[in-house]
Amino acid sequence: MQQYIKYIVTYLGDYPCGHRHPLQMTVSATDAQEAINKTNTALNDDRIDSTNHSLFSVLPKDYGDELRELDICHKEK
């Protein structure tokens, strides 16, 4: 059985204002490549008004939460 993970995929895109801004999408996928493939398909949606997209990052949604729980730099209280 495949496990699905929520990924946040971020692209940079050219917007009508003349600037590049991030565009984030959250998808459920089995791995990062599948998340990229799913969001590439979504970029063709007419509701997205940005163009010339560049992949910026792909991270599991809870990535930062897991790092905070590690407490790598154990501090004495």
PDB file of N, CA and C in Angstrom:
ATOM      1  N   MET A   1       0.834  -1.178   0.000  1.00  0.00           N
ATOM      2  CA  MET A   1       0.000   0.000   0.000  1.00  0.00           C
ATOM      3  C   MET A   1       0.883   1.247   0.000  1.00  0.00           C
ATOM      4  N   GLN A   2       0.610   2.159  -0.914  1.00  0.00           N
ATOM      5  CA  GLN A   2       1.406   3.377  -1.022  1.00  0.00           C
ATOM      6  C   GLN A   2       0.946   4.404   0.002  1.00  0.00           C
ATOM      7  N   GLN A   3       1.914   5.084   0.580  1.00  0.00           N
ATOM      8  CA  GLN A   3       1.609   6.131   1.553  1.00  0.00           C
ATOM      9  C   GLN A   3       1.646   7.485   0.853  1.00  0.00           C
ATOM     10  N   TYR A   4       0.586   8.253   1.020  1.00  0.00           N
ATOM     11  CA  TYR A   4       0.534   9.588   0.438  1.00  0.00           C
ATOM     12  C   TYR A   4       0.970  10.612   1.467  1.00  0.00           C
ATOM     13  N   ILE A   5       1.772  11.560   1.018  1.00  0.00           N
ATOM     14  CA  ILE A   5       2.294  12.640   1.850  1.00  0.00           C
ATOM     15  C   ILE A   5       1.848  13.949   1.225  1.00  0.00           C
ATOM     16  N   LYS A   6       1.503  14.916   2.061  1.00  0.00           N
ATOM     17  CA  LYS A   6       1.166  16.248   1.532  1.00  0.00           C
ATOM     18  C   LYS A   6       2.466  17.009   1.297  1.00  0.00           C
ATOM     19  N   TYR A   7       2.636  17.510   0.079  1.00  0.00           N
ATOM     20  CA  TYR A   7       3.809  18.296  -0.293  1.00  0.00           C
ATOM     21  C   TYR A   7       3.387  19.723  -0.607  1.00  0.00           C
ATOM     22  N   ILE A   8       4.248  20.671  -0.263  1.00  0.00           N
ATOM     23  CA  ILE A   8       4.078  22.057  -0.687  1.00  0.00           C
ATOM     24  C   ILE A   8       5.088  22.290  -1.796  1.00  0.00           C
ATOM     25  N   VAL A   9       4.583  22.555  -2.987  1.00  0.00           N
ATOM     26  CA  VAL A   9       5.435  22.782  -4.155  1.00  0.00           C
ATOM     27  C   VAL A   9       5.379  24.272  -4.473  1.00  0.00           C
ATOM     28  N   THR A  10       6.554  24.900  -4.537  1.00  0.00           N
ATOM     29  CA  THR A  10       6.628  26.337  -4.783  1.00  0.00           C
ATOM     30  C   THR A  10       7.310  26.601  -6.118  1.00  0.00           C
ATOM     31  N   TYR A  11       6.676  27.442  -6.908  1.00  0.00           N
ATOM     32  CA  TYR A  11       7.226  27.914  -8.177  1.00  0.00           C
ATOM     33  C   TYR A  11       7.410  29.420  -8.085  1.00  0.00           C
ATOM     34  N   LEU A  12       8.302  29.953  -8.896  1.00  0.00           N
ATOM     35  CA  LEU A  12       8.380  31.395  -9.095  1.00  0.00           C
ATOM     36  C   LEU A  12       7.796  31.665 -10.467  1.00  0.00           C
ATOM     37  N   GLY A  13       6.952  32.686 -10.554  1.00  0.00           N
ATOM     38  CA  GLY A  13       6.305  32.986 -11.826  1.00  0.00           C
ATOM     39  C   GLY A  13       6.260  34.471 -12.107  1.00  0.00           C
ATOM     40  N   ASP A  14       6.196  34.815 -13.383  1.00  0.00           N
ATOM     41  CA  ASP A  14       6.047  36.208 -13.810  1.00  0.00           C
ATOM     42  C   ASP A  14       4.571  36.577 -13.740  1.00  0.00           C
ATOM     43  N   TYR A  15       4.269  37.665 -13.047  1.00  0.00           N
ATOM     44  CA  TYR A  15       2.890  38.122 -12.887  1.00  0.00           C
ATOM     45  C   TYR A  15       2.643  39.368 -13.720  1.00  0.00           C
ATOM     46  N   PRO A  16       1.372  39.674 -13.993  1.00  0.00           N
ATOM     47  CA  PRO A  16       1.037  40.844 -14.815  1.00  0.00           C
ATOM     48  C   PRO A  16       1.601  42.157 -14.267  1.00  0.00           C
ATOM     49  N   CYS A  17       1.895  42.231 -12.967  1.00  0.00           N
ATOM     50  CA  CYS A  17       2.443  43.457 -12.383  1.00  0.00           C
ATOM     51  C   CYS A  17       3.885  43.699 -12.826  1.00  0.00           C
ATOM     52  N   GLY A  18       4.504  42.694 -13.471  1.00  0.00           N
ATOM     53  CA  GLY A  18       5.874  42.839 -13.947  1.00  0.00           C
ATOM     54  C   GLY A  18       6.919  42.256 -13.013  1.00  0.00           C
ATOM     55  N   HIS A  19       6.504  41.654 -11.914  1.00  0.00           N
ATOM     56  CA  HIS A  19       7.432  41.075 -10.946  1.00  0.00           C
ATOM     57  C   HIS A  19       7.292  39.556 -10.905  1.00  0.00           C
ATOM     58  N   ARG A  20       8.326  38.913 -10.314  1.00  0.00           N
ATOM     59  CA  ARG A  20       8.269  37.469 -10.069  1.00  0.00           C
ATOM     60  C   ARG A  20       7.853  37.257  -8.622  1.00  0.00           C
ATOM     61  N   HIS A  21       6.859  36.410  -8.419  1.00  0.00           N
ATOM     62  CA  HIS A  21       6.355  36.106  -7.086  1.00  0.00           C
ATOM     63  C   HIS A  21       6.239  34.595  -6.937  1.00  0.00           C
ATOM     64  N   PRO A  22       6.260  34.099  -5.687  1.00  0.00           N
ATOM     65  CA  PRO A  22       6.073  32.667  -5.470  1.00  0.00           C
ATOM     66  C   PRO A  22       4.618  32.254  -5.672  1.00  0.00           C
ATOM     67  N   LEU A  23       4.448  31.049  -6.137  1.00  0.00           N
ATOM     68  CA  LEU A  23       3.141  30.425  -6.291  1.00  0.00           C
ATOM     69  C   LEU A  23       3.246  29.069  -5.609  1.00  0.00           C
ATOM     70  N   GLN A  24       2.480  28.863  -4.533  1.00  0.00           N
ATOM     71  CA  GLN A  24       2.543  27.609  -3.790  1.00  0.00           C
ATOM     72  C   GLN A  24       1.297  26.779  -4.018  1.00  0.00           C
ATOM     73  N   MET A  25       1.512  25.467  -4.129  1.00  0.00           N
ATOM     74  CA  MET A  25       0.414  24.514  -4.263  1.00  0.00           C
ATOM     75  C   MET A  25       0.668  23.366  -3.299  1.00  0.00           C
ATOM     76  N   THR A  26      -0.380  22.880  -2.677  1.00  0.00           N
ATOM     77  CA  THR A  26      -0.286  21.728  -1.789  1.00  0.00           C
ATOM     78  C   THR A  26      -0.980  20.552  -2.461  1.00  0.00           C
ATOM     79  N   VAL A  27      -0.254  19.441  -2.575  1.00  0.00           N
ATOM     80  CA  VAL A  27      -0.810  18.239  -3.207  1.00  0.00           C
ATOM     81  C   VAL A  27      -0.447  17.012  -2.382  1.00  0.00           C
ATOM     82  N   SER A  28      -1.241  15.965  -2.510  1.00  0.00           N
ATOM     83  CA  SER A  28      -0.922  14.670  -1.910  1.00  0.00           C
ATOM     84  C   SER A  28      -0.270  13.816  -2.982  1.00  0.00           C
ATOM     85  N   ALA A  29       0.872  13.238  -2.636  1.00  0.00           N
ATOM     86  CA  ALA A  29       1.614  12.421  -3.600  1.00  0.00           C
ATOM     87  C   ALA A  29       2.442  11.385  -2.853  1.00  0.00           C
ATOM     88  N   THR A  30       2.901  10.371  -3.584  1.00  0.00           N
ATOM     89  CA  THR A  30       3.716   9.325  -2.967  1.00  0.00           C
ATOM     90  C   THR A  30       5.176   9.739  -2.835  1.00  0.00           C
ATOM     91  N   ASP A  31       5.621  10.673  -3.677  1.00  0.00           N
ATOM     92  CA  ASP A  31       6.992  11.173  -3.587  1.00  0.00           C
ATOM     93  C   ASP A  31       7.064  12.567  -4.213  1.00  0.00           C
ATOM     94  N   ALA A  32       8.225  13.188  -4.116  1.00  0.00           N
ATOM     95  CA  ALA A  32       8.393  14.560  -4.601  1.00  0.00           C
ATOM     96  C   ALA A  32       8.181  14.661  -6.112  1.00  0.00           C
ATOM     97  N   GLN A  33       8.645  13.677  -6.864  1.00  0.00           N
ATOM     98  CA  GLN A  33       8.479  13.727  -8.322  1.00  0.00           C
ATOM     99  C   GLN A  33       7.007  13.701  -8.719  1.00  0.00           C
ATOM    100  N   GLU A  34       6.227  12.883  -8.044  1.00  0.00           N
ATOM    101  CA  GLU A  34       4.791  12.848  -8.337  1.00  0.00           C
ATOM    102  C   GLU A  34       4.139  14.188  -7.986  1.00  0.00           C
ATOM    103  N   ALA A  35       4.583  14.812  -6.898  1.00  0.00           N
ATOM    104  CA  ALA A  35       4.056  16.129  -6.520  1.00  0.00           C
ATOM    105  C   ALA A  35       4.367  17.161  -7.600  1.00  0.00           C
ATOM    106  N   ILE A  36       5.573  17.120  -8.139  1.00  0.00           N
ATOM    107  CA  ILE A  36       5.955  18.043  -9.215  1.00  0.00           C
ATOM    108  C   ILE A  36       5.087  17.798 -10.445  1.00  0.00           C
ATOM    109  N   ASN A  37       4.898  16.531 -10.806  1.00  0.00           N
ATOM    110  CA  ASN A  37       4.076  16.206 -11.979  1.00  0.00           C
ATOM    111  C   ASN A  37       2.643  16.708 -11.816  1.00  0.00           C
ATOM    112  N   LYS A  38       2.072  16.517 -10.632  1.00  0.00           N
ATOM    113  CA  LYS A  38       0.695  16.965 -10.396  1.00  0.00           C
ATOM    114  C   LYS A  38       0.583  18.482 -10.480  1.00  0.00           C
ATOM    115  N   THR A  39       1.555  19.195  -9.925  1.00  0.00           N
ATOM    116  CA  THR A  39       1.472  20.658  -9.958  1.00  0.00           C
ATOM    117  C   THR A  39       1.771  21.201 -11.349  1.00  0.00           C
ATOM    118  N   ASN A  40       2.616  20.518 -12.112  1.00  0.00           N
ATOM    119  CA  ASN A  40       2.850  20.946 -13.504  1.00  0.00           C
ATOM    120  C   ASN A  40       1.549  20.916 -14.294  1.00  0.00           C
ATOM    121  N   THR A  41       0.743  19.912 -14.058  1.00  0.00           N
ATOM    122  CA  THR A  41      -0.559  19.829 -14.719  1.00  0.00           C
ATOM    123  C   THR A  41      -1.445  20.987 -14.272  1.00  0.00           C
ATOM    124  N   ALA A  42      -1.412  21.307 -12.983  1.00  0.00           N
ATOM    125  CA  ALA A  42      -2.244  22.390 -12.443  1.00  0.00           C
ATOM    126  C   ALA A  42      -1.825  23.759 -12.967  1.00  0.00           C
ATOM    127  N   LEU A  43      -0.571  23.915 -13.363  1.00  0.00           N
ATOM    128  CA  LEU A  43      -0.106  25.214 -13.873  1.00  0.00           C
ATOM    129  C   LEU A  43      -0.814  25.622 -15.165  1.00  0.00           C
ATOM    130  N   ASN A  44      -1.424  24.673 -15.844  1.00  0.00           N
ATOM    131  CA  ASN A  44      -2.148  24.974 -17.083  1.00  0.00           C
ATOM    132  C   ASN A  44      -3.553  25.508 -16.835  1.00  0.00           C
ATOM    133  N   ASP A  45      -3.955  25.607 -15.582  1.00  0.00           N
ATOM    134  CA  ASP A  45      -5.292  26.110 -15.233  1.00  0.00           C
ATOM    135  C   ASP A  45      -5.420  27.578 -15.629  1.00  0.00           C
ATOM    136  N   ASP A  46      -6.517  27.932 -16.258  1.00  0.00           N
ATOM    137  CA  ASP A  46      -6.739  29.310 -16.716  1.00  0.00           C
ATOM    138  C   ASP A  46      -6.830  30.313 -15.571  1.00  0.00           C
ATOM    139  N   ARG A  47      -7.113  29.849 -14.362  1.00  0.00           N
ATOM    140  CA  ARG A  47      -7.226  30.757 -13.214  1.00  0.00           C
ATOM    141  C   ARG A  47      -5.869  31.255 -12.719  1.00  0.00           C
ATOM    142  N   ILE A  48      -4.800  30.607 -13.114  1.00  0.00           N
ATOM    143  CA  ILE A  48      -3.456  31.031 -12.717  1.00  0.00           C
ATOM    144  C   ILE A  48      -2.979  32.063 -13.725  1.00  0.00           C
ATOM    145  N   ASP A  49      -2.753  33.289 -13.232  1.00  0.00           N
ATOM    146  CA  ASP A  49      -2.409  34.378 -14.159  1.00  0.00           C
ATOM    147  C   ASP A  49      -0.909  34.628 -14.272  1.00  0.00           C
ATOM    148  N   SER A  50      -0.091  33.781 -13.650  1.00  0.00           N
ATOM    149  CA  SER A  50       1.355  33.927 -13.795  1.00  0.00           C
ATOM    150  C   SER A  50       1.839  33.073 -14.963  1.00  0.00           C
ATOM    151  N   THR A  51       3.034  33.397 -15.459  1.00  0.00           N
ATOM    152  CA  THR A  51       3.631  32.677 -16.589  1.00  0.00           C
ATOM    153  C   THR A  51       5.104  32.414 -16.290  1.00  0.00           C
ATOM    154  N   ASN A  52       5.768  31.674 -17.160  1.00  0.00           N
ATOM    155  CA  ASN A  52       7.208  31.436 -17.073  1.00  0.00           C
ATOM    156  C   ASN A  52       7.594  30.900 -15.691  1.00  0.00           C
ATOM    157  N   HIS A  53       7.006  29.780 -15.300  1.00  0.00           N
ATOM    158  CA  HIS A  53       7.212  29.218 -13.965  1.00  0.00           C
ATOM    159  C   HIS A  53       8.541  28.476 -13.854  1.00  0.00           C
ATOM    160  N   SER A  54       9.207  28.683 -12.715  1.00  0.00           N
ATOM    161  CA  SER A  54      10.442  27.971 -12.383  1.00  0.00           C
ATOM    162  C   SER A  54      10.232  27.266 -11.052  1.00  0.00           C
ATOM    163  N   LEU A  55      10.548  25.979 -11.008  1.00  0.00           N
ATOM    164  CA  LEU A  55      10.418  25.231  -9.760  1.00  0.00           C
ATOM    165  C   LEU A  55      11.390  25.796  -8.734  1.00  0.00           C
ATOM    166  N   PHE A  56      10.892  26.091  -7.545  1.00  0.00           N
ATOM    167  CA  PHE A  56      11.721  26.677  -6.492  1.00  0.00           C
ATOM    168  C   PHE A  56      11.979  25.671  -5.375  1.00  0.00           C
ATOM    169  N   SER A  57      10.934  24.973  -4.897  1.00  0.00           N
ATOM    170  CA  SER A  57      11.138  24.002  -3.824  1.00  0.00           C
ATOM    171  C   SER A  57       9.999  22.999  -3.755  1.00  0.00           C
ATOM    172  N   VAL A  58      10.313  21.837  -3.176  1.00  0.00           N
ATOM    173  CA  VAL A  58       9.327  20.795  -2.895  1.00  0.00           C
ATOM    174  C   VAL A  58       9.635  20.285  -1.494  1.00  0.00           C
ATOM    175  N   LEU A  59       8.689  20.487  -0.571  1.00  0.00           N
ATOM    176  CA  LEU A  59       8.892  20.065   0.812  1.00  0.00           C
ATOM    177  C   LEU A  59       7.658  19.361   1.342  1.00  0.00           C
ATOM    178  N   PRO A  60       7.853  18.323   2.167  1.00  0.00           N
ATOM    179  CA  PRO A  60       6.690  17.749   2.847  1.00  0.00           C
ATOM    180  C   PRO A  60       6.050  18.825   3.720  1.00  0.00           C
ATOM    181  N   LYS A  61       4.722  18.826   3.804  1.00  0.00           N
ATOM    182  CA  LYS A  61       4.009  19.888   4.511  1.00  0.00           C
ATOM    183  C   LYS A  61       4.454  20.018   5.959  1.00  0.00           C
ATOM    184  N   ASP A  62       4.717  18.919   6.640  1.00  0.00           N
ATOM    185  CA  ASP A  62       5.085  18.956   8.056  1.00  0.00           C
ATOM    186  C   ASP A  62       6.589  18.984   8.288  1.00  0.00           C
ATOM    187  N   TYR A  63       7.356  19.312   7.278  1.00  0.00           N
ATOM    188  CA  TYR A  63       8.821  19.283   7.375  1.00  0.00           C
ATOM    189  C   TYR A  63       9.336  20.144   8.518  1.00  0.00           C
ATOM    190  N   GLY A  64       8.909  21.375   8.632  1.00  0.00           N
ATOM    191  CA  GLY A  64       9.376  22.270   9.687  1.00  0.00           C
ATOM    192  C   GLY A  64       8.951  21.816  11.063  1.00  0.00           C
ATOM    193  N   ASP A  65       7.755  21.249  11.179  1.00  0.00           N
ATOM    194  CA  ASP A  65       7.268  20.765  12.469  1.00  0.00           C
ATOM    195  C   ASP A  65       8.161  19.659  13.000  1.00  0.00           C
ATOM    196  N   GLU A  66       8.584  18.767  12.132  1.00  0.00           N
ATOM    197  CA  GLU A  66       9.434  17.663  12.557  1.00  0.00           C
ATOM    198  C   GLU A  66      10.787  18.172  13.042  1.00  0.00           C
ATOM    199  N   LEU A  67      11.335  19.191  12.404  1.00  0.00           N
ATOM    200  CA  LEU A  67      12.628  19.731  12.826  1.00  0.00           C
ATOM    201  C   LEU A  67      12.543  20.374  14.204  1.00  0.00           C
ATOM    202  N   ARG A  68      11.455  21.075  14.473  1.00  0.00           N
ATOM    203  CA  ARG A  68      11.301  21.709  15.785  1.00  0.00           C
ATOM    204  C   ARG A  68      11.235  20.673  16.890  1.00  0.00           C
ATOM    205  N   GLU A  69      10.685  19.511  16.596  1.00  0.00           N
ATOM    206  CA  GLU A  69      10.550  18.467  17.599  1.00  0.00           C
ATOM    207  C   GLU A  69      11.884  17.792  17.922  1.00  0.00           C
ATOM    208  N   LEU A  70      12.850  17.879  17.037  1.00  0.00           N
ATOM    209  CA  LEU A  70      14.130  17.206  17.249  1.00  0.00           C
ATOM    210  C   LEU A  70      14.950  17.828  18.372  1.00  0.00           C
ATOM    211  N   ASP A  71      14.850  19.129  18.567  1.00  0.00           N
ATOM    212  CA  ASP A  71      15.619  19.852  19.576  1.00  0.00           C
ATOM    213  C   ASP A  71      17.098  19.487  19.469  1.00  0.00           C
ATOM    214  N   ILE A  72      17.662  19.716  18.300  1.00  0.00           N
ATOM    215  CA  ILE A  72      19.042  19.345  18.017  1.00  0.00           C
ATOM    216  C   ILE A  72      20.017  20.028  18.977  1.00  0.00           C
ATOM    217  N   CYS A  73      19.799  21.281  19.250  1.00  0.00           N
ATOM    218  CA  CYS A  73      20.669  22.040  20.152  1.00  0.00           C
ATOM    219  C   CYS A  73      20.070  22.002  21.548  1.00  0.00           C
ATOM    220  N   HIS A  74      20.246  20.902  22.220  1.00  0.00           N
ATOM    221  CA  HIS A  74      19.655  20.741  23.550  1.00  0.00           C
ATOM    222  C   HIS A  74      20.195  21.821  24.479  1.00  0.00           C
ATOM    223  N   LYS A  75      19.297  22.596  25.042  1.00  0.00           N
ATOM    224  CA  LYS A  75      19.689  23.695  25.926  1.00  0.00           C
ATOM    225  C   LYS A  75      19.367  23.330  27.365  1.00  0.00           C
ATOM    226  N   GLU A  76      20.322  23.579  28.232  1.00  0.00           N
ATOM    227  CA  GLU A  76      20.072  23.329  29.652  1.00  0.00           C
ATOM    228  C   GLU A  76      19.236  24.456  30.210  1.00  0.00           C
ATOM    229  N   LYS A  77      18.309  24.117  31.082  1.00  0.00           N
ATOM    230  CA  LYS A  77      17.436  25.129  31.677  1.00  0.00           C
ATOM    231  C   LYS A  77      17.777  25.360  33.119  1.00  0.00           C
TER     232      LYS A  77
END
